């Protein structure tokens, strides 16, 4: 993988370097980790949006209970067969 230069102001560079050191990482490794974590958070936010939309659909709980009668969620008033 080729190296790239990213220009940031010295205050930002110093903050990133301090965070990297506090995490026991080089600045390069810290930025790579930070990028992966941010990408994962973005994906999680998207997944959460889709999940909330799906579980908000009318009849979903009843359809689940019918499809998986032995796996009814606790507290629904439904009992496993």
C-alpha atoms as a PDB file:
ATOM      1  CA  UNK A   1       0.000   0.000   0.000  1.00  0.00           C
ATOM      2  CA  UNK A   2       1.385   3.402  -0.928  1.00  0.00           C
ATOM      3  CA  UNK A   3       1.845   6.103   1.678  1.00  0.00           C
ATOM      4  CA  UNK A   4      -0.098   9.335   1.487  1.00  0.00           C
ATOM      5  CA  UNK A   5       0.414  12.661   3.189  1.00  0.00           C
ATOM      6  CA  UNK A   6      -2.508  14.283   4.958  1.00  0.00           C
ATOM      7  CA  UNK A   7      -2.107  17.894   5.989  1.00  0.00           C
ATOM      8  CA  UNK A   8      -3.617  18.971   9.291  1.00  0.00           C
ATOM      9  CA  UNK A   9      -2.807  21.872  11.554  1.00  0.00           C
ATOM     10  CA  UNK A  10      -0.176  21.265  14.225  1.00  0.00           C
ATOM     11  CA  UNK A  11      -2.720  21.342  17.067  1.00  0.00           C
ATOM     12  CA  UNK A  12      -4.721  18.527  15.462  1.00  0.00           C
ATOM     13  CA  UNK A  13      -1.543  16.567  14.748  1.00  0.00           C
ATOM     14  CA  UNK A  14      -0.460  16.926  18.383  1.00  0.00           C
ATOM     15  CA  UNK A  15      -3.857  15.819  19.687  1.00  0.00           C
ATOM     16  CA  UNK A  16      -3.858  12.775  17.411  1.00  0.00           C
ATOM     17  CA  UNK A  17      -0.287  11.917  18.396  1.00  0.00           C
ATOM     18  CA  UNK A  18      -1.190  12.168  22.098  1.00  0.00           C
ATOM     19  CA  UNK A  19      -4.227   9.925  21.611  1.00  0.00           C
ATOM     20  CA  UNK A  20      -2.134   7.410  19.678  1.00  0.00           C
ATOM     21  CA  UNK A  21       0.503   7.368  22.420  1.00  0.00           C
ATOM     22  CA  UNK A  22      -2.164   6.962  25.126  1.00  0.00           C
ATOM     23  CA  UNK A  23      -3.421   3.929  23.218  1.00  0.00           C
ATOM     24  CA  UNK A  24       0.077   2.521  22.820  1.00  0.00           C
ATOM     25  CA  UNK A  25      -0.026   2.913  19.039  1.00  0.00           C
ATOM     26  CA  UNK A  26       1.916   4.727  16.389  1.00  0.00           C
ATOM     27  CA  UNK A  27       0.057   7.603  14.798  1.00  0.00           C
ATOM     28  CA  UNK A  28      -0.233   5.556  11.593  1.00  0.00           C
ATOM     29  CA  UNK A  29      -1.766   2.577  13.444  1.00  0.00           C
ATOM     30  CA  UNK A  30      -4.042   4.830  15.501  1.00  0.00           C
ATOM     31  CA  UNK A  31      -5.425   6.561  12.398  1.00  0.00           C
ATOM     32  CA  UNK A  32      -6.025   3.204  10.705  1.00  0.00           C
ATOM     33  CA  UNK A  33      -7.863   1.941  13.798  1.00  0.00           C
ATOM     34  CA  UNK A  34      -9.836   5.166  14.078  1.00  0.00           C
ATOM     35  CA  UNK A  35     -10.910   4.944  10.434  1.00  0.00           C
ATOM     36  CA  UNK A  36     -12.075   1.340  10.868  1.00  0.00           C
ATOM     37  CA  UNK A  37     -13.969   2.174  14.059  1.00  0.00           C
ATOM     38  CA  UNK A  38     -15.694   5.133  12.414  1.00  0.00           C
ATOM     39  CA  UNK A  39     -16.628   3.012   9.416  1.00  0.00           C
ATOM     40  CA  UNK A  40     -18.078   0.376  11.761  1.00  0.00           C
ATOM     41  CA  UNK A  41     -20.071   3.050  13.634  1.00  0.00           C
ATOM     42  CA  UNK A  42     -21.507   4.339  10.365  1.00  0.00           C
ATOM     43  CA  UNK A  43     -22.545   0.824   9.370  1.00  0.00           C
ATOM     44  CA  UNK A  44     -24.057   0.256  12.811  1.00  0.00           C
ATOM     45  CA  UNK A  45     -26.089   3.482  12.560  1.00  0.00           C
ATOM     46  CA  UNK A  46     -27.412   2.380   9.163  1.00  0.00           C
ATOM     47  CA  UNK A  47     -28.213  -1.107  10.465  1.00  0.00           C
ATOM     48  CA  UNK A  48     -29.981   0.390  13.486  1.00  0.00           C
ATOM     49  CA  UNK A  49     -32.149   2.524  11.227  1.00  0.00           C
ATOM     50  CA  UNK A  50     -33.139  -0.496   9.126  1.00  0.00           C
ATOM     51  CA  UNK A  51     -33.736  -2.617  12.235  1.00  0.00           C
ATOM     52  CA  UNK A  52     -35.991   0.003  13.833  1.00  0.00           C
ATOM     53  CA  UNK A  53     -37.929   0.297  10.594  1.00  0.00           C
ATOM     54  CA  UNK A  54     -38.350  -3.476  10.359  1.00  0.00           C
ATOM     55  CA  UNK A  55     -39.463  -4.033  13.957  1.00  0.00           C
ATOM     56  CA  UNK A  56     -41.880  -1.126  13.694  1.00  0.00           C
ATOM     57  CA  UNK A  57     -43.853  -2.819  10.948  1.00  0.00           C
ATOM     58  CA  UNK A  58     -47.327  -3.906  12.044  1.00  0.00           C
ATOM     59  CA  UNK A  59     -47.668  -7.633  12.617  1.00  0.00           C
ATOM     60  CA  UNK A  60     -43.953  -8.409  12.802  1.00  0.00           C
ATOM     61  CA  UNK A  61     -44.092  -9.792  16.353  1.00  0.00           C
ATOM     62  CA  UNK A  62     -47.071 -11.994  15.513  1.00  0.00           C
ATOM     63  CA  UNK A  63     -45.420 -13.246  12.308  1.00  0.00           C
ATOM     64  CA  UNK A  64     -42.267 -14.086  14.266  1.00  0.00           C
ATOM     65  CA  UNK A  65     -44.277 -15.911  16.933  1.00  0.00           C
ATOM     66  CA  UNK A  66     -46.042 -17.961  14.264  1.00  0.00           C
ATOM     67  CA  UNK A  67     -42.830 -18.791  12.408  1.00  0.00           C
ATOM     68  CA  UNK A  68     -40.839 -19.609  15.555  1.00  0.00           C
ATOM     69  CA  UNK A  69     -43.316 -20.676  18.247  1.00  0.00           C
ATOM     70  CA  UNK A  70     -40.584 -22.076  20.498  1.00  0.00           C
ATOM     71  CA  UNK A  71     -38.631 -18.806  20.425  1.00  0.00           C
ATOM     72  CA  UNK A  72     -41.213 -16.246  21.523  1.00  0.00           C
ATOM     73  CA  UNK A  73     -39.510 -13.266  23.185  1.00  0.00           C
ATOM     74  CA  UNK A  74     -39.824 -13.038  26.960  1.00  0.00           C
ATOM     75  CA  UNK A  75     -42.454 -10.661  28.243  1.00  0.00           C
ATOM     76  CA  UNK A  76     -44.739 -10.897  25.211  1.00  0.00           C
ATOM     77  CA  UNK A  77     -47.366 -12.953  26.952  1.00  0.00           C
ATOM     78  CA  UNK A  78     -46.721 -15.762  24.502  1.00  0.00           C
ATOM     79  CA  UNK A  79     -45.441 -19.048  25.794  1.00  0.00           C
ATOM     80  CA  UNK A  80     -43.111 -21.465  24.094  1.00  0.00           C
ATOM     81  CA  UNK A  81     -44.841 -24.673  23.003  1.00  0.00           C
END
